[in-house]
Amino acid sequence: MGRVVLVTGVSRDFGGRFARRIAADPAVERVIGVDVVPPRGDLGSVAFVRADIRNPVIAKVITGQDVDTVVHMSVRSAPHEAGGRMSMKEHNVIGTMQLLAACQKAPGLERLVVKSSSAVYGSSSRDPAMFTEDMGAKRMPRSGYAKDVLEVEGYVRGFARRRPDVAVTMLRAANAVGPTVSSPLTHYFRLPVVPTVLGYDARLQFLHETDLLGALHHATLGGVHGTFNVGGDGVLMLSQALRRLGRPTVPVPRFALGSLSSLGSLSRQAAIKGLQAELSGFLTFGRGLDTSRMRSVLGFHPSYTTAEAFADLSRSIAPSALPSAAALLGGASRG
């Protein structure tokens, strides 16, 4: 008999992709996908159950389906996708609490995998070159997605103490990029004119979307207890990334980047409604992850480096319709 896996958040593209992938593994007998709305795409052999993880009924799904492995992928990062910031926080935090309460009551549960984020480390001028898993944020997040993730991790650690018989794996993923990733960060890179922070050049570390799927797959079947940074090798400076994209840039003061409600019509075309506080900090200071434990303890090795992951993203981004500063200067000198 193979594993019986419950995956939350399957109506979103990434959750659905993971559910289909894990369902195709011979070591898995059944996959149950849970979300509040039906998925837009075909989930294949995945059995979909329409349920809200904020509702205690999720406990009946876990016990009724004899689930032995839960993969929690339903922590949302964009308020507009969740119906606003308050709804997003309720889904992320209260939903996780209810899911963990359901897991607590499931005697047959053996493994819990939680897709967390490196956003828990924040981004500040006091950060180390590389965060290890036993480090905390130098400046604690006070709002938004990063604060939600911090609270979620706290509840997961509490669950791990109460259920030492369950292997609990938390993956603190670096920012995911790739041809199909839609996030505030990838929207930022798609802007025709990209704002940067005057006087700063952030260190960026990425994780390719297929490696994120691979890490979750590996953790689901591996059952390794612990918290792990997951990211591609190396870092890119923001200036390097933008040069490789060939994007025109406009330096602005740091306070202006964080307070921008829009970037004119260019911003609206790119579906960015202001830069979230954590994204603004990331684009100012960046963030680096020590992934030694990912390799030595979890046993996962990404296929893409940070540079290779970004190169794959860049191939999916159309050239800017606006000339770069170098092109304008070149034209002026020829005139």
C-alpha atoms as a PDB file:
ATOM      1  CA  MET A   1       0.000   0.000   0.000  1.00  0.00           C
ATOM      2  CA  GLY A   2       1.281   3.459  -0.917  1.00  0.00           C
ATOM      3  CA  ARG A   3       0.907   6.744   0.887  1.00  0.00           C
ATOM      4  CA  VAL A   4      -2.382   8.608   1.115  1.00  0.00           C
ATOM      5  CA  VAL A   5      -1.598  12.302   0.677  1.00  0.00           C
ATOM      6  CA  LEU A   6      -3.833  15.317   1.288  1.00  0.00           C
ATOM      7  CA  VAL A   7      -2.730  18.540  -0.449  1.00  0.00           C
ATOM      8  CA  THR A   8      -4.222  21.933   0.428  1.00  0.00           C
ATOM      9  CA  GLY A   9      -4.496  24.811  -2.045  1.00  0.00           C
ATOM     10  CA  VAL A  10      -4.928  22.673  -5.170  1.00  0.00           C
ATOM     11  CA  SER A  11      -7.097  25.224  -7.004  1.00  0.00           C
ATOM     12  CA  ARG A  12      -4.113  27.475  -7.450  1.00  0.00           C
ATOM     13  CA  ASP A  13      -1.819  26.624 -10.324  1.00  0.00           C
ATOM     14  CA  PHE A  14       1.168  25.538  -8.257  1.00  0.00           C
ATOM     15  CA  GLY A  15      -0.862  23.461  -5.806  1.00  0.00           C
ATOM     16  CA  GLY A  16      -2.601  21.674  -8.667  1.00  0.00           C
ATOM     17  CA  ARG A  17       0.699  20.965 -10.410  1.00  0.00           C
ATOM     18  CA  PHE A  18       2.157  19.475  -7.263  1.00  0.00           C
ATOM     19  CA  ALA A  19      -0.927  17.329  -6.583  1.00  0.00           C
ATOM     20  CA  ARG A  20      -0.795  15.880 -10.111  1.00  0.00           C
ATOM     21  CA  ARG A  21       2.935  15.259  -9.818  1.00  0.00           C
ATOM     22  CA  ILE A  22       2.787  13.439  -6.492  1.00  0.00           C
ATOM     23  CA  ALA A  23      -0.233  11.401  -7.648  1.00  0.00           C
ATOM     24  CA  ALA A  24       1.879   9.987 -10.500  1.00  0.00           C
ATOM     25  CA  ASP A  25       4.495   8.616  -8.088  1.00  0.00           C
ATOM     26  CA  PRO A  26       4.284   4.811  -7.671  1.00  0.00           C
ATOM     27  CA  ALA A  27       4.902   5.229  -3.928  1.00  0.00           C
ATOM     28  CA  VAL A  28       1.599   7.115  -3.574  1.00  0.00           C
ATOM     29  CA  GLU A  29      -1.705   5.249  -3.495  1.00  0.00           C
ATOM     30  CA  ARG A  30      -4.135   8.197  -3.443  1.00  0.00           C
ATOM     31  CA  VAL A  31      -4.060  12.004  -3.418  1.00  0.00           C
ATOM     32  CA  ILE A  32      -6.886  14.139  -2.062  1.00  0.00           C
ATOM     33  CA  GLY A  33      -6.850  17.780  -3.127  1.00  0.00           C
ATOM     34  CA  VAL A  34      -8.606  20.342  -0.917  1.00  0.00           C
ATOM     35  CA  ASP A  35      -9.585  23.936  -1.626  1.00  0.00           C
ATOM     36  CA  VAL A  36     -12.492  26.346  -1.168  1.00  0.00           C
ATOM     37  CA  VAL A  37     -13.179  26.607  -4.903  1.00  0.00           C
ATOM     38  CA  PRO A  38     -12.965  23.969  -7.643  1.00  0.00           C
ATOM     39  CA  PRO A  39      -9.748  23.941  -9.693  1.00  0.00           C
ATOM     40  CA  ARG A  40      -9.845  25.496 -13.158  1.00  0.00           C
ATOM     41  CA  GLY A  41      -7.661  22.799 -14.673  1.00  0.00           C
ATOM     42  CA  ASP A  42      -7.820  19.037 -14.732  1.00  0.00           C
ATOM     43  CA  LEU A  43      -6.360  17.383 -11.625  1.00  0.00           C
ATOM     44  CA  GLY A  44      -6.116  13.992 -13.304  1.00  0.00           C
ATOM     45  CA  SER A  45      -6.348  11.168 -10.771  1.00  0.00           C
ATOM     46  CA  VAL A  46      -6.422  13.555  -7.798  1.00  0.00           C
ATOM     47  CA  ALA A  47      -9.706  13.340  -5.859  1.00  0.00           C
ATOM     48  CA  PHE A  48     -10.934  16.890  -5.236  1.00  0.00           C
ATOM     49  CA  VAL A  49     -12.807  17.748  -2.029  1.00  0.00           C
ATOM     50  CA  ARG A  50     -14.335  21.199  -1.746  1.00  0.00           C
ATOM     51  CA  ALA A  51     -13.579  22.253   1.813  1.00  0.00           C
ATOM     52  CA  ASP A  52     -12.360  25.294   3.705  1.00  0.00           C
ATOM     53  CA  ILE A  53      -9.401  24.582   5.968  1.00  0.00           C
ATOM     54  CA  ARG A  54     -10.774  27.256   8.323  1.00  0.00           C
ATOM     55  CA  ASN A  55     -13.707  24.944   9.016  1.00  0.00           C
ATOM     56  CA  PRO A  56     -13.339  22.051  11.486  1.00  0.00           C
ATOM     57  CA  VAL A  57     -14.893  19.782   8.829  1.00  0.00           C
ATOM     58  CA  ILE A  58     -11.353  19.361   7.461  1.00  0.00           C
ATOM     59  CA  ALA A  59     -10.763  16.909  10.340  1.00  0.00           C
ATOM     60  CA  LYS A  60     -13.445  14.602   8.907  1.00  0.00           C
ATOM     61  CA  VAL A  61     -11.726  14.674   5.520  1.00  0.00           C
ATOM     62  CA  ILE A  62      -8.357  13.675   7.014  1.00  0.00           C
ATOM     63  CA  THR A  63      -9.703  10.852   9.172  1.00  0.00           C
ATOM     64  CA  GLY A  64     -12.380   9.717   6.718  1.00  0.00           C
ATOM     65  CA  GLN A  65      -9.870   9.334   3.884  1.00  0.00           C
ATOM     66  CA  ASP A  66      -7.237   7.582   6.048  1.00  0.00           C
ATOM     67  CA  VAL A  67      -4.704  10.298   5.234  1.00  0.00           C
ATOM     68  CA  ASP A  68      -1.174   9.592   6.484  1.00  0.00           C
ATOM     69  CA  THR A  69       0.551  12.599   4.858  1.00  0.00           C
ATOM     70  CA  VAL A  70      -0.587  16.236   4.710  1.00  0.00           C
ATOM     71  CA  VAL A  71       1.100  18.797   2.446  1.00  0.00           C
ATOM     72  CA  HIS A  72       0.060  22.348   3.361  1.00  0.00           C
ATOM     73  CA  MET A  73       0.454  24.684   0.383  1.00  0.00           C
ATOM     74  CA  SER A  74      -2.392  27.083   1.054  1.00  0.00           C
ATOM     75  CA  VAL A  75      -0.575  30.049   2.621  1.00  0.00           C
ATOM     76  CA  ARG A  76      -1.315  32.940   0.268  1.00  0.00           C
ATOM     77  CA  SER A  77       1.088  35.801  -0.423  1.00  0.00           C
ATOM     78  CA  ALA A  78      -1.058  38.273  -2.401  1.00  0.00           C
ATOM     79  CA  PRO A  79      -4.005  40.046  -0.699  1.00  0.00           C
ATOM     80  CA  HIS A  80      -5.894  40.601  -3.965  1.00  0.00           C
ATOM     81  CA  GLU A  81      -5.979  36.833  -4.523  1.00  0.00           C
ATOM     82  CA  ALA A  82      -7.559  36.253  -1.117  1.00  0.00           C
ATOM     83  CA  GLY A  83     -10.200  38.986  -1.153  1.00  0.00           C
ATOM     84  CA  GLY A  84      -8.193  41.547   0.797  1.00  0.00           C
ATOM     85  CA  ARG A  85      -5.620  41.630   3.566  1.00  0.00           C
ATOM     86  CA  MET A  86      -7.997  40.650   6.399  1.00  0.00           C
ATOM     87  CA  SER A  87      -9.332  37.669   4.451  1.00  0.00           C
ATOM     88  CA  MET A  88      -5.780  36.671   3.541  1.00  0.00           C
ATOM     89  CA  LYS A  89      -4.649  36.721   7.185  1.00  0.00           C
ATOM     90  CA  GLU A  90      -7.689  34.740   8.279  1.00  0.00           C
ATOM     91  CA  HIS A  91      -7.059  32.130   5.610  1.00  0.00           C
ATOM     92  CA  ASN A  92      -3.348  31.882   6.312  1.00  0.00           C
ATOM     93  CA  VAL A  93      -3.320  31.921  10.110  1.00  0.00           C
ATOM     94  CA  ILE A  94      -6.753  30.700  11.214  1.00  0.00           C
ATOM     95  CA  GLY A  95      -6.810  28.193   8.364  1.00  0.00           C
ATOM     96  CA  THR A  96      -3.456  26.755   9.431  1.00  0.00           C
ATOM     97  CA  MET A  97      -4.588  26.565  13.056  1.00  0.00           C
ATOM     98  CA  GLN A  98      -7.694  24.588  12.072  1.00  0.00           C
ATOM     99  CA  LEU A  99      -5.701  22.314   9.769  1.00  0.00           C
ATOM    100  CA  LEU A 100      -3.202  21.562  12.533  1.00  0.00           C
ATOM    101  CA  ALA A 101      -6.027  20.925  14.994  1.00  0.00           C
ATOM    102  CA  ALA A 102      -7.411  18.394  12.512  1.00  0.00           C
ATOM    103  CA  CYS A 103      -3.961  16.808  12.144  1.00  0.00           C
ATOM    104  CA  GLN A 104      -3.681  16.646  15.932  1.00  0.00           C
ATOM    105  CA  LYS A 105      -6.799  14.470  16.068  1.00  0.00           C
ATOM    106  CA  ALA A 106      -5.707  12.137  13.253  1.00  0.00           C
ATOM    107  CA  PRO A 107      -4.079   9.062  14.843  1.00  0.00           C
ATOM    108  CA  GLY A 108      -2.963   7.704  11.462  1.00  0.00           C
ATOM    109  CA  LEU A 109      -1.035  10.820  10.453  1.00  0.00           C
ATOM    110  CA  GLU A 110       2.665  10.161   9.921  1.00  0.00           C
ATOM    111  CA  ARG A 111       3.983  13.162   7.976  1.00  0.00           C
ATOM    112  CA  LEU A 112       3.274  16.879   7.645  1.00  0.00           C
ATOM    113  CA  VAL A 113       4.996  18.998   4.989  1.00  0.00           C
ATOM    114  CA  VAL A 114       4.563  22.776   5.108  1.00  0.00           C
ATOM    115  CA  LYS A 115       5.544  25.090   2.277  1.00  0.00           C
ATOM    116  CA  SER A 116       6.947  28.056   4.159  1.00  0.00           C
ATOM    117  CA  SER A 117       8.994  30.970   2.861  1.00  0.00           C
ATOM    118  CA  SER A 118      12.331  32.678   3.386  1.00  0.00           C
ATOM    119  CA  ALA A 119      10.219  35.806   3.992  1.00  0.00           C
ATOM    120  CA  VAL A 120      10.336  34.825   7.699  1.00  0.00           C
ATOM    121  CA  TYR A 121      13.899  36.207   7.763  1.00  0.00           C
ATOM    122  CA  GLY A 122      12.816  39.625   6.533  1.00  0.00           C
ATOM    123  CA  SER A 123      15.259  41.970   4.822  1.00  0.00           C
ATOM    124  CA  SER A 124      17.262  44.628   6.632  1.00  0.00           C
ATOM    125  CA  SER A 125      20.640  46.335   6.700  1.00  0.00           C
ATOM    126  CA  ARG A 126      21.670  44.178   9.686  1.00  0.00           C
ATOM    127  CA  ASP A 127      21.158  40.831   7.968  1.00  0.00           C
ATOM    128  CA  PRO A 128      23.967  38.252   7.752  1.00  0.00           C
ATOM    129  CA  ALA A 129      25.348  37.304   4.362  1.00  0.00           C
ATOM    130  CA  MET A 130      23.503  33.982   4.626  1.00  0.00           C
ATOM    131  CA  PHE A 131      20.679  32.997   6.958  1.00  0.00           C
ATOM    132  CA  THR A 132      20.877  29.556   8.548  1.00  0.00           C
ATOM    133  CA  GLU A 133      17.731  27.823   9.784  1.00  0.00           C
ATOM    134  CA  ASP A 134      18.468  28.597  13.447  1.00  0.00           C
ATOM    135  CA  MET A 135      18.598  32.361  12.806  1.00  0.00           C
ATOM    136  CA  GLY A 136      15.670  34.736  13.095  1.00  0.00           C
ATOM    137  CA  ALA A 137      14.793  38.007  11.419  1.00  0.00           C
ATOM    138  CA  LYS A 138      16.940  40.950  12.492  1.00  0.00           C
ATOM    139  CA  ARG A 139      13.887  43.148  12.051  1.00  0.00           C
ATOM    140  CA  MET A 140      10.685  41.252  12.777  1.00  0.00           C
ATOM    141  CA  PRO A 141       7.940  41.631  10.159  1.00  0.00           C
ATOM    142  CA  ARG A 142       4.969  43.540  11.558  1.00  0.00           C
ATOM    143  CA  SER A 143       2.429  43.002   8.819  1.00  0.00           C
ATOM    144  CA  GLY A 144       1.650  41.267   5.566  1.00  0.00           C
ATOM    145  CA  TYR A 145       2.632  37.888   4.215  1.00  0.00           C
ATOM    146  CA  ALA A 146       5.913  37.696   6.156  1.00  0.00           C
ATOM    147  CA  LYS A 147       4.105  38.115   9.490  1.00  0.00           C
ATOM    148  CA  ASP A 148       1.562  35.467   8.467  1.00  0.00           C
ATOM    149  CA  VAL A 149       4.338  33.004   7.633  1.00  0.00           C
ATOM    150  CA  LEU A 150       6.039  33.721  10.957  1.00  0.00           C
ATOM    151  CA  GLU A 151       2.816  32.924  12.818  1.00  0.00           C
ATOM    152  CA  VAL A 152       2.180  29.827  10.709  1.00  0.00           C
ATOM    153  CA  GLU A 153       5.635  28.483  11.540  1.00  0.00           C
ATOM    154  CA  GLY A 154       5.030  29.083  15.248  1.00  0.00           C
ATOM    155  CA  TYR A 155       1.848  27.002  15.158  1.00  0.00           C
ATOM    156  CA  VAL A 156       3.595  24.257  13.173  1.00  0.00           C
ATOM    157  CA  ARG A 157       6.388  24.051  15.773  1.00  0.00           C
ATOM    158  CA  GLY A 158       3.751  23.783  18.494  1.00  0.00           C
ATOM    159  CA  PHE A 159       2.099  20.929  16.617  1.00  0.00           C
ATOM    160  CA  ALA A 160       5.461  19.161  16.257  1.00  0.00           C
ATOM    161  CA  ARG A 161       5.941  19.293  20.037  1.00  0.00           C
ATOM    162  CA  ARG A 162       2.463  17.866  20.672  1.00  0.00           C
ATOM    163  CA  ARG A 163       2.819  15.117  18.052  1.00  0.00           C
ATOM    164  CA  PRO A 164       6.445  13.924  18.185  1.00  0.00           C
ATOM    165  CA  ASP A 165       5.326  10.797  16.324  1.00  0.00           C
ATOM    166  CA  VAL A 166       4.718  12.882  13.173  1.00  0.00           C
ATOM    167  CA  ALA A 167       7.638  13.831  10.903  1.00  0.00           C
ATOM    168  CA  VAL A 168       7.181  17.567  10.319  1.00  0.00           C
ATOM    169  CA  THR A 169       9.095  19.135   7.424  1.00  0.00           C
ATOM    170  CA  MET A 170       9.064  22.903   6.860  1.00  0.00           C
ATOM    171  CA  LEU A 171      10.573  24.219   3.637  1.00  0.00           C
ATOM    172  CA  ARG A 172      11.638  27.873   3.737  1.00  0.00           C
ATOM    173  CA  ALA A 173      11.699  28.447   0.022  1.00  0.00           C
ATOM    174  CA  ALA A 174      13.593  31.263  -1.653  1.00  0.00           C
ATOM    175  CA  ASN A 175      11.585  33.390  -4.091  1.00  0.00           C
ATOM    176  CA  ALA A 176      10.348  31.085  -6.835  1.00  0.00           C
ATOM    177  CA  VAL A 177      10.864  32.121 -10.443  1.00  0.00           C
ATOM    178  CA  GLY A 178      10.260  30.495 -13.785  1.00  0.00           C
ATOM    179  CA  PRO A 179       8.265  30.865 -16.995  1.00  0.00           C
ATOM    180  CA  THR A 180       4.888  30.184 -15.362  1.00  0.00           C
ATOM    181  CA  VAL A 181       5.358  31.879 -11.977  1.00  0.00           C
ATOM    182  CA  SER A 182       3.022  34.812 -11.347  1.00  0.00           C
ATOM    183  CA  SER A 183       4.005  36.737  -8.218  1.00  0.00           C
ATOM    184  CA  PRO A 184       4.630  40.343  -7.159  1.00  0.00           C
ATOM    185  CA  LEU A 185       8.348  39.766  -7.804  1.00  0.00           C
ATOM    186  CA  THR A 186       7.932  38.374 -11.328  1.00  0.00           C
ATOM    187  CA  HIS A 187       5.460  41.191 -12.118  1.00  0.00           C
ATOM    188  CA  TYR A 188       8.137  43.616 -10.953  1.00  0.00           C
ATOM    189  CA  PHE A 189      10.675  42.162 -13.401  1.00  0.00           C
ATOM    190  CA  ARG A 190       8.100  42.438 -16.199  1.00  0.00           C
ATOM    191  CA  LEU A 191       7.643  46.190 -15.758  1.00  0.00           C
ATOM    192  CA  PRO A 192       8.650  48.136 -18.890  1.00  0.00           C
ATOM    193  CA  VAL A 193      10.530  50.588 -16.646  1.00  0.00           C
ATOM    194  CA  VAL A 194      11.804  49.099 -13.388  1.00  0.00           C
ATOM    195  CA  PRO A 195      12.209  51.250 -10.242  1.00  0.00           C
ATOM    196  CA  THR A 196      15.284  50.533  -8.126  1.00  0.00           C
ATOM    197  CA  VAL A 197      16.338  51.884  -4.746  1.00  0.00           C
ATOM    198  CA  LEU A 198      18.832  54.713  -4.996  1.00  0.00           C
ATOM    199  CA  GLY A 199      22.145  53.719  -3.400  1.00  0.00           C
ATOM    200  CA  TYR A 200      21.310  50.019  -2.916  1.00  0.00           C
ATOM    201  CA  ASP A 201      21.940  46.865  -4.910  1.00  0.00           C
ATOM    202  CA  ALA A 202      20.096  43.920  -3.389  1.00  0.00           C
ATOM    203  CA  ARG A 203      21.515  40.379  -3.279  1.00  0.00           C
ATOM    204  CA  LEU A 204      18.886  38.039  -4.723  1.00  0.00           C
ATOM    205  CA  GLN A 205      18.604  34.268  -4.399  1.00  0.00           C
ATOM    206  CA  PHE A 206      16.017  32.338  -6.399  1.00  0.00           C
ATOM    207  CA  LEU A 207      14.493  28.880  -6.598  1.00  0.00           C
ATOM    208  CA  HIS A 208      13.294  27.560  -9.937  1.00  0.00           C
ATOM    209  CA  GLU A 209       9.634  26.531  -9.953  1.00  0.00           C
ATOM    210  CA  THR A 210      10.454  22.940 -10.932  1.00  0.00           C
ATOM    211  CA  ASP A 211      12.943  22.712  -8.056  1.00  0.00           C
ATOM    212  CA  LEU A 212      10.272  23.919  -5.627  1.00  0.00           C
ATOM    213  CA  LEU A 213       7.981  21.159  -6.877  1.00  0.00           C
ATOM    214  CA  GLY A 214      10.882  18.732  -6.595  1.00  0.00           C
ATOM    215  CA  ALA A 215      11.708  19.770  -3.025  1.00  0.00           C
ATOM    216  CA  LEU A 216       8.081  19.317  -1.941  1.00  0.00           C
ATOM    217  CA  HIS A 217       7.944  15.924  -3.663  1.00  0.00           C
ATOM    218  CA  HIS A 218      11.181  14.843  -2.008  1.00  0.00           C
ATOM    219  CA  ALA A 219      10.015  16.003   1.431  1.00  0.00           C
ATOM    220  CA  THR A 220       6.635  14.295   1.062  1.00  0.00           C
ATOM    221  CA  LEU A 221       8.177  10.897   0.400  1.00  0.00           C
ATOM    222  CA  GLY A 222      11.274  11.348   2.564  1.00  0.00           C
ATOM    223  CA  GLY A 223       9.621  12.144   5.886  1.00  0.00           C
ATOM    224  CA  VAL A 224      12.662  14.030   7.219  1.00  0.00           C
ATOM    225  CA  HIS A 225      11.875  16.020  10.366  1.00  0.00           C
ATOM    226  CA  GLY A 226      13.146  19.615  10.498  1.00  0.00           C
ATOM    227  CA  THR A 227      13.179  23.070   8.953  1.00  0.00           C
ATOM    228  CA  PHE A 228      15.152  23.610   5.760  1.00  0.00           C
ATOM    229  CA  ASN A 229      16.180  26.567   3.622  1.00  0.00           C
ATOM    230  CA  VAL A 230      15.579  25.721  -0.037  1.00  0.00           C
ATOM    231  CA  GLY A 231      17.166  27.775  -2.811  1.00  0.00           C
ATOM    232  CA  GLY A 232      19.427  27.651  -5.826  1.00  0.00           C
ATOM    233  CA  ASP A 233      23.179  28.041  -5.448  1.00  0.00           C
ATOM    234  CA  GLY A 234      24.648  31.530  -5.626  1.00  0.00           C
ATOM    235  CA  VAL A 235      23.175  35.012  -5.673  1.00  0.00           C
ATOM    236  CA  LEU A 236      22.533  37.691  -8.289  1.00  0.00           C
ATOM    237  CA  MET A 237      22.763  41.388  -7.618  1.00  0.00           C
ATOM    238  CA  LEU A 238      19.606  43.232  -8.636  1.00  0.00           C
ATOM    239  CA  SER A 239      21.624  45.350 -11.059  1.00  0.00           C
ATOM    240  CA  GLN A 240      22.962  42.183 -12.734  1.00  0.00           C
ATOM    241  CA  ALA A 241      19.475  40.737 -13.068  1.00  0.00           C
ATOM    242  CA  LEU A 242      18.082  43.909 -14.653  1.00  0.00           C
ATOM    243  CA  ARG A 243      21.018  44.174 -17.069  1.00  0.00           C
ATOM    244  CA  ARG A 244      20.386  40.596 -18.186  1.00  0.00           C
ATOM    245  CA  LEU A 245      16.757  41.505 -18.801  1.00  0.00           C
ATOM    246  CA  GLY A 246      17.741  44.647 -20.715  1.00  0.00           C
ATOM    247  CA  ARG A 247      15.176  46.610 -18.730  1.00  0.00           C
ATOM    248  CA  PRO A 248      15.336  50.426 -18.407  1.00  0.00           C
ATOM    249  CA  THR A 249      15.562  51.395 -14.727  1.00  0.00           C
ATOM    250  CA  VAL A 250      14.709  54.495 -12.720  1.00  0.00           C
ATOM    251  CA  PRO A 251      16.412  54.964  -9.322  1.00  0.00           C
ATOM    252  CA  VAL A 252      14.096  56.306  -6.606  1.00  0.00           C
ATOM    253  CA  PRO A 253      14.608  56.989  -2.883  1.00  0.00           C
ATOM    254  CA  ARG A 254      13.854  54.011  -0.656  1.00  0.00           C
ATOM    255  CA  PHE A 255      10.809  55.614   0.963  1.00  0.00           C
ATOM    256  CA  ALA A 256       9.360  56.293  -2.476  1.00  0.00           C
ATOM    257  CA  LEU A 257       9.662  52.652  -3.534  1.00  0.00           C
ATOM    258  CA  GLY A 258       7.774  51.436  -0.490  1.00  0.00           C
ATOM    259  CA  SER A 259       5.058  54.072  -0.682  1.00  0.00           C
ATOM    260  CA  LEU A 260       4.326  53.864  -4.396  1.00  0.00           C
ATOM    261  CA  SER A 261       0.636  53.135  -4.828  1.00  0.00           C
ATOM    262  CA  SER A 262       1.235  52.677  -8.531  1.00  0.00           C
ATOM    263  CA  LEU A 263       3.816  53.258 -11.188  1.00  0.00           C
ATOM    264  CA  GLY A 264       1.451  54.981 -13.573  1.00  0.00           C
ATOM    265  CA  SER A 265      -0.110  53.093 -16.440  1.00  0.00           C
ATOM    266  CA  LEU A 266       2.997  50.890 -16.683  1.00  0.00           C
ATOM    267  CA  SER A 267       2.289  49.494 -13.235  1.00  0.00           C
ATOM    268  CA  ARG A 268      -1.349  48.820 -13.943  1.00  0.00           C
ATOM    269  CA  GLN A 269      -0.440  46.965 -17.125  1.00  0.00           C
ATOM    270  CA  ALA A 270       1.844  44.734 -15.084  1.00  0.00           C
ATOM    271  CA  ALA A 271      -0.861  44.057 -12.469  1.00  0.00           C
ATOM    272  CA  ILE A 272       1.150  45.590  -9.626  1.00  0.00           C
ATOM    273  CA  LYS A 273      -0.944  47.626  -7.225  1.00  0.00           C
ATOM    274  CA  GLY A 274       1.904  49.045  -5.201  1.00  0.00           C
ATOM    275  CA  LEU A 275       4.966  47.310  -3.819  1.00  0.00           C
ATOM    276  CA  GLN A 276       4.261  45.314  -0.666  1.00  0.00           C
ATOM    277  CA  ALA A 277       6.441  46.155   2.329  1.00  0.00           C
ATOM    278  CA  GLU A 278       8.303  42.835   2.269  1.00  0.00           C
ATOM    279  CA  LEU A 279       8.955  43.132  -1.477  1.00  0.00           C
ATOM    280  CA  SER A 280      10.213  46.676  -1.018  1.00  0.00           C
ATOM    281  CA  GLY A 281      12.630  45.494   1.682  1.00  0.00           C
ATOM    282  CA  PHE A 282      13.754  42.562  -0.451  1.00  0.00           C
ATOM    283  CA  LEU A 283      14.502  44.869  -3.393  1.00  0.00           C
ATOM    284  CA  THR A 284      16.488  47.135  -1.080  1.00  0.00           C
ATOM    285  CA  PHE A 285      18.604  44.669   0.911  1.00  0.00           C
ATOM    286  CA  GLY A 286      17.942  41.262  -0.641  1.00  0.00           C
ATOM    287  CA  ARG A 287      18.396  38.001   1.227  1.00  0.00           C
ATOM    288  CA  GLY A 288      20.791  35.056   1.167  1.00  0.00           C
ATOM    289  CA  LEU A 289      20.119  31.521   2.407  1.00  0.00           C
ATOM    290  CA  ASP A 290      22.546  28.900   3.649  1.00  0.00           C
ATOM    291  CA  THR A 291      21.277  25.687   2.055  1.00  0.00           C
ATOM    292  CA  SER A 292      23.803  23.270   3.581  1.00  0.00           C
ATOM    293  CA  ARG A 293      21.134  21.385   5.570  1.00  0.00           C
ATOM    294  CA  MET A 294      18.961  21.083   2.474  1.00  0.00           C
ATOM    295  CA  ARG A 295      21.703  18.991   0.903  1.00  0.00           C
ATOM    296  CA  SER A 296      23.204  17.149   3.873  1.00  0.00           C
ATOM    297  CA  VAL A 297      20.076  16.396   5.950  1.00  0.00           C
ATOM    298  CA  LEU A 298      17.056  16.700   3.664  1.00  0.00           C
ATOM    299  CA  GLY A 299      19.028  15.189   0.803  1.00  0.00           C
ATOM    300  CA  PHE A 300      17.653  17.489  -1.893  1.00  0.00           C
ATOM    301  CA  HIS A 301      19.795  19.031  -4.648  1.00  0.00           C
ATOM    302  CA  PRO A 302      18.244  21.696  -6.918  1.00  0.00           C
ATOM    303  CA  SER A 303      18.746  21.346 -10.654  1.00  0.00           C
ATOM    304  CA  TYR A 304      19.024  25.117 -11.239  1.00  0.00           C
ATOM    305  CA  THR A 305      21.373  27.661  -9.724  1.00  0.00           C
ATOM    306  CA  THR A 306      20.023  31.123  -8.925  1.00  0.00           C
ATOM    307  CA  ALA A 307      21.467  32.473 -12.185  1.00  0.00           C
ATOM    308  CA  GLU A 308      20.033  29.603 -14.234  1.00  0.00           C
ATOM    309  CA  ALA A 309      16.599  29.976 -12.651  1.00  0.00           C
ATOM    310  CA  PHE A 310      16.559  33.688 -13.433  1.00  0.00           C
ATOM    311  CA  ALA A 311      17.733  33.022 -16.993  1.00  0.00           C
ATOM    312  CA  ASP A 312      14.738  30.719 -17.491  1.00  0.00           C
ATOM    313  CA  LEU A 313      12.426  33.450 -16.220  1.00  0.00           C
ATOM    314  CA  SER A 314      14.055  36.046 -18.469  1.00  0.00           C
ATOM    315  CA  ARG A 315      13.383  33.951 -21.569  1.00  0.00           C
ATOM    316  CA  SER A 316       9.668  34.268 -20.861  1.00  0.00           C
ATOM    317  CA  ILE A 317       9.778  38.068 -20.562  1.00  0.00           C
ATOM    318  CA  ALA A 318       9.272  40.062 -23.745  1.00  0.00           C
ATOM    319  CA  PRO A 319      11.796  42.842 -24.437  1.00  0.00           C
ATOM    320  CA  SER A 320      10.739  46.252 -23.173  1.00  0.00           C
ATOM    321  CA  ALA A 321       9.074  48.486 -25.730  1.00  0.00           C
ATOM    322  CA  LEU A 322      11.031  51.402 -24.261  1.00  0.00           C
ATOM    323  CA  PRO A 323      14.688  52.033 -25.159  1.00  0.00           C
ATOM    324  CA  SER A 324      17.289  51.472 -22.487  1.00  0.00           C
ATOM    325  CA  ALA A 325      19.375  54.312 -21.121  1.00  0.00           C
ATOM    326  CA  ALA A 326      22.427  52.917 -22.958  1.00  0.00           C
ATOM    327  CA  ALA A 327      20.530  52.955 -26.244  1.00  0.00           C
ATOM    328  CA  LEU A 328      19.426  56.536 -25.692  1.00  0.00           C
ATOM    329  CA  LEU A 329      22.968  57.651 -24.871  1.00  0.00           C
ATOM    330  CA  GLY A 330      24.305  55.809 -27.908  1.00  0.00           C
ATOM    331  CA  GLY A 331      21.777  57.544 -30.150  1.00  0.00           C
ATOM    332  CA  ALA A 332      22.677  60.925 -28.706  1.00  0.00           C
ATOM    333  CA  SER A 333      26.392  60.395 -29.280  1.00  0.00           C
ATOM    334  CA  ARG A 334      25.791  59.364 -32.900  1.00  0.00           C
ATOM    335  CA  GLY A 335      23.725  62.515 -33.418  1.00  0.00           C
END
